[in-house]
């Protein structure tokens, strides 16, 4: 987050410097006039604020020209010793330093008719870069560090004492009601013999039925 804030501040400062370097363009006499005999040029200049880095743009016809002169030549409309001159019809002058500069038309008689311009350039008003926003120190005392919870003791369940299983009680014979006598215990031999006799009887019966059917 701090890196993003630093980048934004840097871009803002860079944008301000670019604005100072590029400056503004002022077309002389605009919007109602131009570099000509009919425009009150010094009245126009007094309504403007020229800063270092701005540009003066002179737009004019072929019968005019632009001469930059000294204060003395400006006052006397002297056109023979200009600091610089241009006749292109579209002259741009960079206001590169603080102070006054003087311009007149190079055509004979035009300066005396009011075709002259005094420009006062001031230092550019560059806003100071915004201060980094540091959060104010909190007046609330810091909270005491939280105590670490004591570990919960682990209880190991005690092994219950092993109990010796008591001897299972011997199965007692079922209690027989007094009015009933216990059933006789059948003999295994007599039971087998009875089953054998029944089986033989069934076989003989089926054999007899089959013989009668034949």
N, C-alpha and C. Protein backbone atom coordinates (compact mmCIF):
# COMPACT_ATOMS: atom_id res chain seq x y z
N UNK A 1 0.83 -1.20 0.00
CA UNK A 1 0.00 0.00 0.00
C UNK A 1 0.87 1.25 0.00
N UNK A 2 1.97 1.23 0.80
CA UNK A 2 2.86 2.38 0.84
C UNK A 2 3.53 2.61 -0.51
N UNK A 3 3.83 1.53 -1.23
CA UNK A 3 4.44 1.68 -2.56
C UNK A 3 3.48 2.38 -3.51
N UNK A 4 2.20 2.03 -3.46
CA UNK A 4 1.20 2.67 -4.32
C UNK A 4 1.07 4.15 -3.99
N UNK A 5 1.08 4.50 -2.69
CA UNK A 5 0.97 5.90 -2.29
C UNK A 5 2.18 6.69 -2.79
N UNK A 6 3.37 6.08 -2.69
CA UNK A 6 4.58 6.76 -3.16
C UNK A 6 4.53 7.01 -4.66
N UNK A 7 4.03 6.03 -5.42
CA UNK A 7 3.93 6.18 -6.87
C UNK A 7 2.96 7.31 -7.24
N UNK A 8 1.82 7.40 -6.52
CA UNK A 8 0.82 8.43 -6.81
C UNK A 8 1.40 9.82 -6.53
N UNK A 9 2.12 9.94 -5.39
CA UNK A 9 2.72 11.23 -5.05
C UNK A 9 3.77 11.63 -6.08
N UNK A 10 4.57 10.65 -6.53
CA UNK A 10 5.60 10.95 -7.53
C UNK A 10 4.98 11.42 -8.84
N UNK A 11 3.88 10.77 -9.26
CA UNK A 11 3.21 11.19 -10.49
C UNK A 11 2.62 12.59 -10.36
N UNK A 12 2.09 12.91 -9.15
CA UNK A 12 1.52 14.24 -8.95
C UNK A 12 2.60 15.31 -9.05
N UNK A 13 3.75 15.06 -8.42
CA UNK A 13 4.86 16.03 -8.50
C UNK A 13 5.36 16.16 -9.94
N UNK A 14 5.47 15.02 -10.64
CA UNK A 14 5.91 15.06 -12.03
C UNK A 14 4.95 15.85 -12.90
N UNK A 15 3.64 15.69 -12.65
CA UNK A 15 2.64 16.43 -13.43
C UNK A 15 2.77 17.93 -13.20
N UNK A 16 3.08 18.32 -11.95
CA UNK A 16 3.24 19.75 -11.68
C UNK A 16 4.46 20.31 -12.41
N UNK A 17 5.56 19.55 -12.42
CA UNK A 17 6.75 20.01 -13.12
C UNK A 17 6.53 20.09 -14.63
N UNK A 18 5.78 19.12 -15.16
CA UNK A 18 5.48 19.16 -16.60
C UNK A 18 4.67 20.41 -16.94
N UNK A 19 3.72 20.75 -16.04
CA UNK A 19 2.91 21.94 -16.28
C UNK A 19 3.78 23.19 -16.29
N UNK A 20 4.79 23.22 -15.39
CA UNK A 20 5.68 24.38 -15.35
C UNK A 20 6.51 24.45 -16.62
N UNK A 21 7.03 23.30 -17.05
CA UNK A 21 7.90 23.29 -18.23
C UNK A 21 7.10 23.64 -19.48
N UNK A 22 5.94 23.03 -19.65
CA UNK A 22 5.15 23.27 -20.85
C UNK A 22 4.55 24.67 -20.83
N UNK A 23 3.99 25.08 -19.69
CA UNK A 23 3.41 26.40 -19.56
C UNK A 23 2.14 26.57 -20.38
N UNK A 24 1.70 27.83 -20.46
CA UNK A 24 0.48 28.16 -21.20
C UNK A 24 0.84 28.99 -22.43
N UNK A 25 -0.01 28.90 -23.43
CA UNK A 25 0.18 29.69 -24.65
C UNK A 25 -0.80 30.86 -24.65
N UNK A 26 -0.29 32.05 -24.81
CA UNK A 26 -1.11 33.25 -24.87
C UNK A 26 -1.01 33.86 -26.27
N UNK A 27 -2.12 33.82 -27.00
CA UNK A 27 -2.17 34.46 -28.32
C UNK A 27 -2.42 35.95 -28.12
N UNK A 28 -1.49 36.74 -28.57
CA UNK A 28 -1.53 38.19 -28.33
C UNK A 28 -2.82 38.79 -28.89
N UNK A 29 -3.56 39.52 -28.01
CA UNK A 29 -4.79 40.20 -28.41
C UNK A 29 -6.03 39.34 -28.38
N UNK A 30 -5.88 38.01 -28.28
CA UNK A 30 -7.03 37.11 -28.31
C UNK A 30 -7.83 37.22 -27.01
N UNK A 31 -9.13 36.95 -27.08
CA UNK A 31 -9.85 36.44 -28.26
C UNK A 31 -10.43 37.53 -29.15
N UNK A 32 -10.44 38.76 -28.68
CA UNK A 32 -11.11 39.80 -29.48
C UNK A 32 -10.23 40.49 -30.49
N UNK A 33 -8.92 40.26 -30.44
CA UNK A 33 -8.04 40.97 -31.37
C UNK A 33 -6.82 40.14 -31.71
N UNK A 34 -5.79 40.80 -32.21
CA UNK A 34 -4.56 40.11 -32.58
C UNK A 34 -3.42 41.14 -32.61
N UNK A 35 -2.29 40.75 -33.18
CA UNK A 35 -1.15 41.67 -33.31
C UNK A 35 -1.41 42.56 -34.52
N UNK A 36 -2.14 43.66 -34.23
CA UNK A 36 -2.53 44.58 -35.31
C UNK A 36 -2.68 45.99 -34.75
N UNK A 37 -3.10 46.90 -35.60
CA UNK A 37 -3.21 48.31 -35.21
C UNK A 37 -4.49 48.62 -34.44
N UNK A 38 -5.49 47.77 -34.55
CA UNK A 38 -6.79 48.07 -33.95
C UNK A 38 -6.96 47.54 -32.52
N UNK A 39 -6.03 46.74 -32.05
CA UNK A 39 -6.17 46.12 -30.73
C UNK A 39 -5.38 46.93 -29.70
N UNK A 40 -6.00 47.17 -28.54
CA UNK A 40 -5.30 47.83 -27.43
C UNK A 40 -4.45 46.77 -26.75
N UNK A 41 -3.22 46.67 -27.19
CA UNK A 41 -2.36 45.56 -26.78
C UNK A 41 -1.94 45.63 -25.31
N UNK A 42 -1.61 46.81 -24.82
CA UNK A 42 -1.18 46.91 -23.42
C UNK A 42 -2.35 46.70 -22.45
N UNK A 43 -3.54 47.08 -22.88
CA UNK A 43 -4.72 46.79 -22.06
C UNK A 43 -4.94 45.28 -21.99
N UNK A 44 -4.74 44.63 -23.12
CA UNK A 44 -4.86 43.16 -23.13
C UNK A 44 -3.80 42.53 -22.22
N UNK A 45 -2.56 43.02 -22.28
CA UNK A 45 -1.48 42.44 -21.48
C UNK A 45 -1.72 42.62 -19.99
N UNK A 46 -2.29 43.77 -19.60
CA UNK A 46 -2.52 44.02 -18.17
C UNK A 46 -3.58 43.10 -17.58
N UNK A 47 -4.40 42.49 -18.43
CA UNK A 47 -5.43 41.57 -17.94
C UNK A 47 -4.94 40.13 -17.85
N UNK A 48 -3.69 39.91 -18.21
CA UNK A 48 -3.13 38.55 -18.19
C UNK A 48 -2.06 38.45 -17.10
N UNK A 49 -1.79 37.23 -16.70
CA UNK A 49 -0.68 36.94 -15.79
C UNK A 49 0.25 35.98 -16.49
N UNK A 50 1.43 36.46 -16.79
CA UNK A 50 2.41 35.66 -17.53
C UNK A 50 3.41 35.07 -16.54
N UNK A 51 3.63 33.77 -16.65
CA UNK A 51 4.55 33.08 -15.75
C UNK A 51 5.70 32.49 -16.55
N UNK A 52 6.78 32.21 -15.85
CA UNK A 52 7.93 31.58 -16.49
C UNK A 52 7.50 30.25 -17.08
N UNK A 53 7.85 30.02 -18.34
CA UNK A 53 7.45 28.81 -19.04
C UNK A 53 6.30 29.01 -20.00
N UNK A 54 5.62 30.17 -19.89
CA UNK A 54 4.52 30.47 -20.82
C UNK A 54 5.07 30.91 -22.18
N UNK A 55 4.19 30.90 -23.17
CA UNK A 55 4.57 31.30 -24.53
C UNK A 55 3.66 32.43 -25.02
N UNK A 56 4.27 33.44 -25.63
CA UNK A 56 3.52 34.49 -26.32
C UNK A 56 3.45 34.11 -27.80
N UNK A 57 2.25 34.11 -28.34
CA UNK A 57 2.06 33.75 -29.75
C UNK A 57 1.54 34.98 -30.50
N UNK A 58 2.34 35.46 -31.42
CA UNK A 58 1.95 36.61 -32.27
C UNK A 58 1.45 36.08 -33.61
N UNK A 59 0.22 36.40 -33.94
CA UNK A 59 -0.34 36.03 -35.25
C UNK A 59 -0.69 37.32 -35.99
N UNK A 60 -0.17 37.46 -37.21
CA UNK A 60 -0.30 38.74 -37.91
C UNK A 60 -0.20 38.52 -39.42
N UNK A 61 -0.54 39.56 -40.15
CA UNK A 61 -0.47 39.53 -41.62
C UNK A 61 0.92 39.96 -42.09
N UNK A 62 1.12 39.90 -43.41
CA UNK A 62 2.44 40.16 -43.98
C UNK A 62 2.90 41.61 -43.81
N UNK A 63 2.00 42.54 -43.58
CA UNK A 63 2.40 43.94 -43.42
C UNK A 63 2.95 44.26 -42.03
N UNK A 64 2.96 43.26 -41.17
CA UNK A 64 3.46 43.46 -39.81
C UNK A 64 4.67 42.55 -39.56
N UNK A 65 5.31 42.79 -38.45
CA UNK A 65 6.43 41.97 -37.99
C UNK A 65 6.52 42.09 -36.46
N UNK A 66 7.42 41.32 -35.88
CA UNK A 66 7.61 41.35 -34.43
C UNK A 66 9.08 41.62 -34.15
N UNK A 67 9.34 42.69 -33.37
CA UNK A 67 10.70 43.00 -32.93
C UNK A 67 10.73 43.02 -31.40
N UNK A 68 11.71 42.31 -30.82
CA UNK A 68 11.92 42.46 -29.38
C UNK A 68 13.03 43.49 -29.21
N UNK A 69 12.75 44.48 -28.36
CA UNK A 69 13.68 45.60 -28.21
C UNK A 69 13.93 45.89 -26.73
N UNK A 70 14.86 46.79 -26.49
CA UNK A 70 15.14 47.24 -25.12
C UNK A 70 14.07 48.22 -24.67
N UNK A 71 14.13 48.56 -23.37
CA UNK A 71 13.15 49.51 -22.83
C UNK A 71 13.29 50.87 -23.52
N UNK A 72 14.50 51.27 -23.77
CA UNK A 72 14.72 52.58 -24.41
C UNK A 72 14.19 52.60 -25.83
N UNK A 73 14.45 51.55 -26.59
CA UNK A 73 13.95 51.49 -27.97
C UNK A 73 12.43 51.32 -27.99
N UNK A 74 11.89 50.71 -26.98
CA UNK A 74 10.43 50.56 -26.87
C UNK A 74 9.80 51.94 -26.69
N UNK A 75 10.37 52.70 -25.78
CA UNK A 75 9.79 54.01 -25.50
C UNK A 75 9.91 54.94 -26.71
N UNK A 76 11.00 54.81 -27.47
CA UNK A 76 11.23 55.71 -28.61
C UNK A 76 10.80 55.12 -29.94
N UNK A 77 10.26 53.88 -29.89
CA UNK A 77 9.83 53.17 -31.11
C UNK A 77 10.99 53.06 -32.11
N UNK A 78 12.16 52.73 -31.60
CA UNK A 78 13.34 52.55 -32.44
C UNK A 78 13.34 51.13 -33.00
N UNK A 79 13.36 50.99 -34.33
CA UNK A 79 13.27 49.67 -34.96
C UNK A 79 14.58 49.21 -35.57
N UNK A 80 15.64 49.98 -35.42
CA UNK A 80 16.89 49.65 -36.11
C UNK A 80 17.82 48.74 -35.32
N UNK A 81 17.57 48.53 -34.06
CA UNK A 81 18.49 47.73 -33.26
C UNK A 81 17.72 46.70 -32.42
N UNK A 82 16.98 45.80 -33.05
CA UNK A 82 16.17 44.83 -32.28
C UNK A 82 17.05 43.76 -31.64
N UNK A 83 16.55 43.22 -30.53
CA UNK A 83 17.20 42.07 -29.90
C UNK A 83 16.97 40.83 -30.77
N UNK A 84 15.78 40.68 -31.25
CA UNK A 84 15.43 39.62 -32.20
C UNK A 84 14.24 40.09 -33.02
N UNK A 85 14.08 39.51 -34.21
CA UNK A 85 13.00 39.93 -35.11
C UNK A 85 12.45 38.72 -35.85
N UNK A 86 11.16 38.82 -36.23
CA UNK A 86 10.54 37.72 -36.99
C UNK A 86 9.43 38.30 -37.85
N UNK A 87 9.31 37.73 -39.06
CA UNK A 87 8.28 38.18 -40.01
C UNK A 87 7.45 37.01 -40.55
N UNK A 88 7.43 35.89 -39.82
CA UNK A 88 6.80 34.66 -40.33
C UNK A 88 5.28 34.71 -40.32
N UNK A 89 4.70 35.61 -39.54
CA UNK A 89 3.23 35.66 -39.42
C UNK A 89 2.71 34.84 -38.24
N UNK A 90 3.58 34.01 -37.67
CA UNK A 90 3.17 33.21 -36.49
C UNK A 90 4.42 33.03 -35.61
N UNK A 91 4.62 33.99 -34.72
CA UNK A 91 5.83 34.04 -33.91
C UNK A 91 5.52 33.61 -32.49
N UNK A 92 6.31 32.66 -31.98
CA UNK A 92 6.15 32.19 -30.60
C UNK A 92 7.37 32.61 -29.80
N UNK A 93 7.14 33.29 -28.67
CA UNK A 93 8.20 33.77 -27.79
C UNK A 93 8.06 33.06 -26.45
N UNK A 94 9.11 32.34 -26.04
CA UNK A 94 9.11 31.67 -24.75
C UNK A 94 9.51 32.65 -23.66
N UNK A 95 8.68 32.76 -22.63
CA UNK A 95 8.99 33.62 -21.48
C UNK A 95 9.79 32.77 -20.49
N UNK A 96 11.09 32.81 -20.64
CA UNK A 96 11.96 31.88 -19.91
C UNK A 96 12.49 32.43 -18.59
N UNK A 97 12.27 33.70 -18.31
CA UNK A 97 12.81 34.28 -17.08
C UNK A 97 11.87 35.35 -16.54
N UNK A 98 12.07 35.66 -15.26
CA UNK A 98 11.25 36.68 -14.61
C UNK A 98 11.71 38.07 -15.07
N UNK A 99 10.74 38.97 -15.27
CA UNK A 99 11.08 40.34 -15.66
C UNK A 99 10.23 40.84 -16.81
N UNK A 100 10.53 42.06 -17.25
CA UNK A 100 9.76 42.69 -18.32
C UNK A 100 10.48 42.54 -19.66
N UNK A 101 9.66 42.37 -20.71
CA UNK A 101 10.18 42.29 -22.08
C UNK A 101 9.31 43.19 -22.95
N UNK A 102 9.91 43.66 -24.06
CA UNK A 102 9.26 44.69 -24.86
C UNK A 102 9.25 44.28 -26.34
N UNK A 103 8.09 44.47 -26.96
CA UNK A 103 7.91 44.07 -28.37
C UNK A 103 7.22 45.22 -29.13
N UNK A 104 7.67 45.42 -30.37
CA UNK A 104 7.06 46.43 -31.24
C UNK A 104 6.95 45.86 -32.65
N UNK A 105 6.13 46.51 -33.47
CA UNK A 105 6.04 46.14 -34.88
C UNK A 105 7.16 46.85 -35.64
N UNK A 106 7.79 46.10 -36.58
CA UNK A 106 8.92 46.66 -37.33
C UNK A 106 8.52 47.52 -38.50
N UNK A 107 7.27 47.57 -38.84
CA UNK A 107 6.83 48.43 -39.95
C UNK A 107 6.87 49.90 -39.49
N UNK A 108 7.32 50.76 -40.41
CA UNK A 108 7.48 52.17 -40.06
C UNK A 108 6.13 52.78 -39.66
N UNK A 109 6.13 53.45 -38.52
CA UNK A 109 4.95 54.16 -38.03
C UNK A 109 3.99 53.32 -37.21
N UNK A 110 4.10 52.00 -37.27
CA UNK A 110 3.13 51.16 -36.55
C UNK A 110 3.34 51.22 -35.04
N UNK A 111 4.57 51.27 -34.60
CA UNK A 111 4.80 51.35 -33.15
C UNK A 111 4.21 52.64 -32.59
N UNK A 112 4.38 53.74 -33.32
CA UNK A 112 3.83 55.02 -32.85
C UNK A 112 2.31 55.01 -32.83
N UNK A 113 1.69 54.13 -33.58
CA UNK A 113 0.22 54.04 -33.61
C UNK A 113 -0.32 53.05 -32.55
N UNK A 114 0.56 52.57 -31.73
CA UNK A 114 0.12 51.72 -30.62
C UNK A 114 0.40 50.25 -30.78
N UNK A 115 1.13 49.88 -31.85
CA UNK A 115 1.41 48.45 -32.04
C UNK A 115 2.70 48.10 -31.30
N UNK A 116 2.56 48.07 -29.97
CA UNK A 116 3.68 47.77 -29.08
C UNK A 116 3.15 47.05 -27.85
N UNK A 117 3.99 46.25 -27.25
CA UNK A 117 3.52 45.39 -26.15
C UNK A 117 4.60 45.26 -25.08
N UNK A 118 4.21 45.51 -23.84
CA UNK A 118 5.08 45.32 -22.67
C UNK A 118 4.55 44.13 -21.87
N UNK A 119 5.42 43.18 -21.64
CA UNK A 119 5.03 41.93 -20.95
C UNK A 119 5.83 41.80 -19.66
N UNK A 120 5.13 41.58 -18.55
CA UNK A 120 5.78 41.39 -17.25
C UNK A 120 5.63 39.92 -16.85
N UNK A 121 6.74 39.22 -16.78
CA UNK A 121 6.73 37.78 -16.46
C UNK A 121 7.07 37.59 -14.99
N UNK A 122 6.25 36.80 -14.30
CA UNK A 122 6.46 36.52 -12.88
C UNK A 122 6.86 35.07 -12.70
N UNK A 123 7.34 34.77 -11.50
CA UNK A 123 7.73 33.38 -11.21
C UNK A 123 6.50 32.50 -11.22
N UNK A 124 6.69 31.30 -11.69
CA UNK A 124 5.57 30.35 -11.73
C UNK A 124 5.20 29.96 -10.32
N UNK A 125 3.90 29.90 -10.09
CA UNK A 125 3.40 29.53 -8.77
C UNK A 125 3.22 28.03 -8.74
N UNK A 126 4.30 27.34 -8.38
CA UNK A 126 4.23 25.87 -8.30
C UNK A 126 3.77 25.47 -6.92
N UNK A 127 2.65 24.80 -6.80
CA UNK A 127 2.21 24.38 -5.46
C UNK A 127 3.19 23.39 -4.87
N UNK A 128 3.38 23.54 -3.56
CA UNK A 128 4.29 22.62 -2.89
C UNK A 128 3.71 21.22 -2.92
N UNK A 129 4.55 20.22 -3.07
CA UNK A 129 4.03 18.85 -3.12
C UNK A 129 3.34 18.49 -1.84
N UNK A 130 2.27 17.72 -1.92
CA UNK A 130 1.54 17.35 -0.70
C UNK A 130 2.41 16.55 0.23
N UNK A 131 2.26 16.86 1.52
CA UNK A 131 3.04 16.12 2.52
C UNK A 131 2.51 14.72 2.63
N UNK A 132 3.41 13.82 2.92
CA UNK A 132 2.99 12.43 3.06
C UNK A 132 2.08 12.31 4.25
N UNK A 133 0.98 11.63 4.03
CA UNK A 133 -0.02 11.49 5.08
C UNK A 133 0.41 10.41 6.05
N UNK A 134 0.98 10.88 7.21
CA UNK A 134 1.38 9.93 8.24
C UNK A 134 0.27 9.85 9.26
N UNK A 135 -0.23 8.69 9.56
CA UNK A 135 -1.32 8.59 10.53
C UNK A 135 -0.87 9.11 11.88
N UNK A 136 -1.71 9.93 12.59
CA UNK A 136 -1.32 10.47 13.90
C UNK A 136 -1.14 9.36 14.90
N UNK A 137 -0.21 9.67 15.83
CA UNK A 137 0.06 8.67 16.87
C UNK A 137 -1.16 8.52 17.75
N UNK A 138 -1.51 7.35 18.06
CA UNK A 138 -2.69 7.08 18.87
C UNK A 138 -2.38 7.38 20.32
N UNK A 139 -3.32 8.12 21.00
CA UNK A 139 -3.13 8.44 22.41
C UNK A 139 -3.58 7.31 23.32
N UNK A 140 -4.24 6.34 22.77
CA UNK A 140 -4.70 5.21 23.58
C UNK A 140 -3.53 4.34 23.95
N UNK A 141 -3.34 4.07 25.25
CA UNK A 141 -2.19 3.22 25.64
C UNK A 141 -2.35 1.84 25.03
N UNK A 142 -1.25 1.26 24.68
CA UNK A 142 -1.33 -0.07 24.08
C UNK A 142 -1.90 -1.08 25.04
N UNK A 143 -2.71 -1.95 24.53
CA UNK A 143 -3.32 -2.98 25.37
C UNK A 143 -2.25 -3.96 25.82
N UNK A 144 -2.33 -4.43 27.09
CA UNK A 144 -1.33 -5.41 27.56
C UNK A 144 -1.42 -6.67 26.74
N UNK A 145 -0.27 -7.29 26.58
CA UNK A 145 -0.29 -8.53 25.78
C UNK A 145 -1.16 -9.59 26.43
N UNK A 146 -1.91 -10.25 25.61
CA UNK A 146 -2.80 -11.28 26.12
C UNK A 146 -2.00 -12.45 26.66
N UNK A 147 -2.44 -12.92 27.83
CA UNK A 147 -1.75 -14.06 28.43
C UNK A 147 -2.05 -15.31 27.63
N UNK A 148 -0.99 -16.04 27.42
CA UNK A 148 -1.18 -17.28 26.69
C UNK A 148 -1.91 -18.26 27.58
N UNK A 149 -2.92 -18.89 27.10
CA UNK A 149 -3.68 -19.83 27.94
C UNK A 149 -2.81 -20.98 28.40
N UNK A 150 -2.98 -21.28 29.71
CA UNK A 150 -2.20 -22.39 30.26
C UNK A 150 -2.69 -23.69 29.64
N UNK A 151 -1.76 -24.56 29.37
CA UNK A 151 -2.18 -25.82 28.73
C UNK A 151 -3.09 -26.63 29.62
N UNK A 152 -4.10 -27.19 29.03
CA UNK A 152 -5.05 -28.01 29.77
C UNK A 152 -4.39 -29.33 30.14
N UNK A 153 -4.36 -29.63 31.43
CA UNK A 153 -3.69 -30.90 31.81
C UNK A 153 -4.42 -32.08 31.22
N UNK A 154 -3.64 -32.99 30.78
CA UNK A 154 -4.20 -34.20 30.20
C UNK A 154 -4.34 -35.25 31.30
N UNK A 155 -5.52 -35.75 31.44
CA UNK A 155 -5.76 -36.78 32.44
C UNK A 155 -5.72 -38.14 31.77
N UNK A 156 -4.87 -38.98 32.31
CA UNK A 156 -4.78 -40.34 31.80
C UNK A 156 -5.73 -41.19 32.63
N UNK A 157 -6.71 -41.74 32.00
CA UNK A 157 -7.66 -42.54 32.80
C UNK A 157 -6.95 -43.71 33.45
N UNK A 158 -7.21 -43.80 34.73
CA UNK A 158 -6.57 -44.91 35.46
C UNK A 158 -7.21 -46.22 35.06
N UNK A 159 -6.37 -47.20 34.96
CA UNK A 159 -6.86 -48.52 34.57
C UNK A 159 -7.59 -49.15 35.75
N UNK A 160 -8.85 -49.47 35.56
CA UNK A 160 -9.58 -50.06 36.70
C UNK A 160 -8.96 -51.40 37.08
N UNK A 161 -8.94 -51.63 38.35
CA UNK A 161 -8.35 -52.91 38.79
C UNK A 161 -9.09 -54.08 38.18
N UNK A 162 -8.27 -54.97 37.71
CA UNK A 162 -8.87 -56.16 37.10
C UNK A 162 -9.51 -57.00 38.18
N UNK A 163 -10.70 -57.34 37.89
CA UNK A 163 -11.43 -58.19 38.86
C UNK A 163 -11.42 -59.61 38.36
N UNK A 164 -11.11 -60.48 39.25
CA UNK A 164 -11.09 -61.89 38.89
C UNK A 164 -12.51 -62.36 38.72
N UNK A 165 -12.80 -62.80 37.52
CA UNK A 165 -14.20 -63.24 37.31
C UNK A 165 -14.55 -64.37 38.26
N UNK A 166 -15.65 -64.17 38.84
CA UNK A 166 -16.10 -65.23 39.76
C UNK A 166 -16.54 -66.43 38.96
N UNK A 167 -16.37 -67.52 39.58
CA UNK A 167 -16.74 -68.75 38.90
C UNK A 167 -18.22 -68.75 38.63
N UNK A 168 -18.52 -69.09 37.37
CA UNK A 168 -19.93 -69.12 37.00
C UNK A 168 -20.64 -70.18 37.81
N UNK A 169 -21.76 -69.85 38.31
CA UNK A 169 -22.48 -70.86 39.12
C UNK A 169 -22.88 -72.04 38.26
N UNK A 170 -22.81 -73.15 38.88
CA UNK A 170 -23.21 -74.38 38.19
C UNK A 170 -24.68 -74.33 37.90
N UNK A 171 -24.97 -74.78 36.69
CA UNK A 171 -26.38 -74.80 36.29
C UNK A 171 -27.13 -75.81 37.15
N UNK A 172 -28.10 -75.27 37.78
CA UNK A 172 -28.93 -76.18 38.59
C UNK A 172 -30.03 -76.72 37.72
N UNK A 173 -30.45 -77.90 37.96
CA UNK A 173 -31.54 -78.49 37.17
C UNK A 173 -32.80 -77.69 37.33
N UNK A 174 -33.60 -77.61 36.27
CA UNK A 174 -34.84 -76.84 36.35
C UNK A 174 -35.74 -77.34 37.47
N UNK A 175 -36.36 -76.36 38.04
CA UNK A 175 -37.25 -76.72 39.14
C UNK A 175 -38.55 -77.23 38.56
N UNK A 176 -38.93 -78.34 39.00
CA UNK A 176 -40.16 -78.98 38.52
C UNK A 176 -41.24 -78.73 39.54
N UNK A 177 -42.40 -78.23 39.06
CA UNK A 177 -43.49 -78.03 40.03
C UNK A 177 -43.82 -79.31 40.77
N UNK A 178 -44.37 -79.11 41.96
CA UNK A 178 -44.63 -80.26 42.82
C UNK A 178 -45.65 -81.19 42.23
N UNK A 179 -46.63 -80.65 41.48
CA UNK A 179 -47.68 -81.51 40.97
C UNK A 179 -47.30 -82.19 39.69
N UNK A 180 -46.10 -81.95 39.17
CA UNK A 180 -45.67 -82.61 37.95
C UNK A 180 -44.42 -83.40 38.25
N UNK A 181 -44.39 -84.55 37.63
CA UNK A 181 -43.20 -85.38 37.77
C UNK A 181 -42.30 -85.11 36.60
N UNK A 182 -41.03 -85.12 36.78
CA UNK A 182 -40.11 -84.84 35.67
C UNK A 182 -40.24 -85.89 34.59
N UNK A 183 -40.19 -85.46 33.31
CA UNK A 183 -40.33 -86.43 32.22
C UNK A 183 -39.17 -87.38 32.23
N UNK A 184 -39.47 -88.60 31.82
CA UNK A 184 -38.41 -89.61 31.81
C UNK A 184 -37.39 -89.28 30.75
N UNK A 185 -36.17 -89.50 31.08
CA UNK A 185 -35.08 -89.26 30.15
C UNK A 185 -35.05 -90.37 29.14
N UNK A 186 -35.28 -90.08 27.82
CA UNK A 186 -35.34 -91.16 26.82
C UNK A 186 -33.97 -91.73 26.61
N UNK A 187 -33.98 -92.98 26.30
CA UNK A 187 -32.73 -93.68 26.02
C UNK A 187 -32.38 -93.50 24.58
N UNK A 188 -31.15 -93.29 24.26
CA UNK A 188 -30.71 -93.06 22.89
C UNK A 188 -30.88 -94.30 22.04
N UNK A 189 -30.70 -95.50 22.56
CA UNK A 189 -30.83 -96.72 21.78
C UNK A 189 -32.26 -96.97 21.40
N UNK A 190 -33.19 -96.77 22.36
CA UNK A 190 -34.59 -97.04 22.04
C UNK A 190 -35.10 -96.04 21.03
N UNK A 191 -34.60 -94.77 21.07
CA UNK A 191 -35.05 -93.77 20.09
C UNK A 191 -34.60 -94.16 18.69
N UNK A 192 -33.37 -94.63 18.55
CA UNK A 192 -32.88 -95.03 17.23
C UNK A 192 -33.64 -96.22 16.70
N UNK A 193 -33.98 -97.13 17.63
CA UNK A 193 -34.70 -98.32 17.21
C UNK A 193 -36.09 -97.97 16.73
N UNK A 194 -36.75 -97.00 17.42
CA UNK A 194 -38.10 -96.60 17.01
C UNK A 194 -38.07 -95.95 15.64
N UNK A 195 -37.10 -95.10 15.39
CA UNK A 195 -37.00 -94.46 14.08
C UNK A 195 -36.76 -95.47 12.97
N UNK A 196 -35.96 -96.49 13.22
CA UNK A 196 -35.67 -97.51 12.21
C UNK A 196 -36.93 -98.28 11.87
N UNK A 197 -37.74 -98.60 12.89
CA UNK A 197 -38.97 -99.35 12.64
C UNK A 197 -39.95 -98.53 11.81
N UNK A 198 -40.02 -97.24 12.09
CA UNK A 198 -40.95 -96.39 11.33
C UNK A 198 -40.51 -96.31 9.88
N UNK A 199 -39.19 -96.18 9.65
CA UNK A 199 -38.69 -96.09 8.28
C UNK A 199 -38.97 -97.38 7.51
N UNK A 200 -38.79 -98.53 8.14
CA UNK A 200 -39.04 -99.81 7.47
C UNK A 200 -40.51 -99.95 7.13
N UNK A 201 -41.36 -99.47 8.02
CA UNK A 201 -42.79 -99.58 7.77
C UNK A 201 -43.18 -98.73 6.57
N UNK A 202 -42.60 -97.52 6.49
CA UNK A 202 -42.92 -96.64 5.36
C UNK A 202 -42.45 -97.24 4.05
N UNK A 203 -41.24 -97.83 4.03
CA UNK A 203 -40.70 -98.43 2.81
C UNK A 203 -41.56 -99.60 2.37
N UNK A 204 -41.96 -100.44 3.34
CA UNK A 204 -42.78 -101.60 2.99
C UNK A 204 -44.14 -101.15 2.47
N UNK A 205 -44.67 -100.08 3.05
CA UNK A 205 -45.97 -99.60 2.59
C UNK A 205 -45.89 -99.12 1.15
N UNK A 206 -44.86 -98.30 0.84
CA UNK A 206 -44.70 -97.82 -0.53
C UNK A 206 -44.46 -98.97 -1.50
N UNK A 207 -43.69 -99.98 -1.06
CA UNK A 207 -43.42 -101.12 -1.94
C UNK A 207 -44.69 -101.89 -2.26
N UNK A 208 -45.57 -102.02 -1.25
CA UNK A 208 -46.83 -102.73 -1.46
C UNK A 208 -47.71 -101.98 -2.44
N UNK A 209 -47.75 -100.66 -2.28
CA UNK A 209 -48.59 -99.86 -3.18
C UNK A 209 -48.09 -99.98 -4.61
N UNK A 210 -46.78 -99.96 -4.79
CA UNK A 210 -46.22 -100.05 -6.14
C UNK A 210 -46.54 -101.41 -6.77
N UNK A 211 -46.42 -102.52 -5.97
CA UNK A 211 -46.70 -103.86 -6.50
C UNK A 211 -48.16 -103.99 -6.90
N UNK A 212 -49.05 -103.39 -6.10
CA UNK A 212 -50.47 -103.48 -6.41
C UNK A 212 -50.78 -102.69 -7.68
N UNK A 213 -50.06 -101.66 -7.88
CA UNK A 213 -50.32 -100.86 -9.08
C UNK A 213 -49.88 -101.59 -10.33
N UNK A 214 -48.87 -102.48 -10.22
CA UNK A 214 -48.40 -103.23 -11.36
C UNK A 214 -49.37 -104.35 -11.66
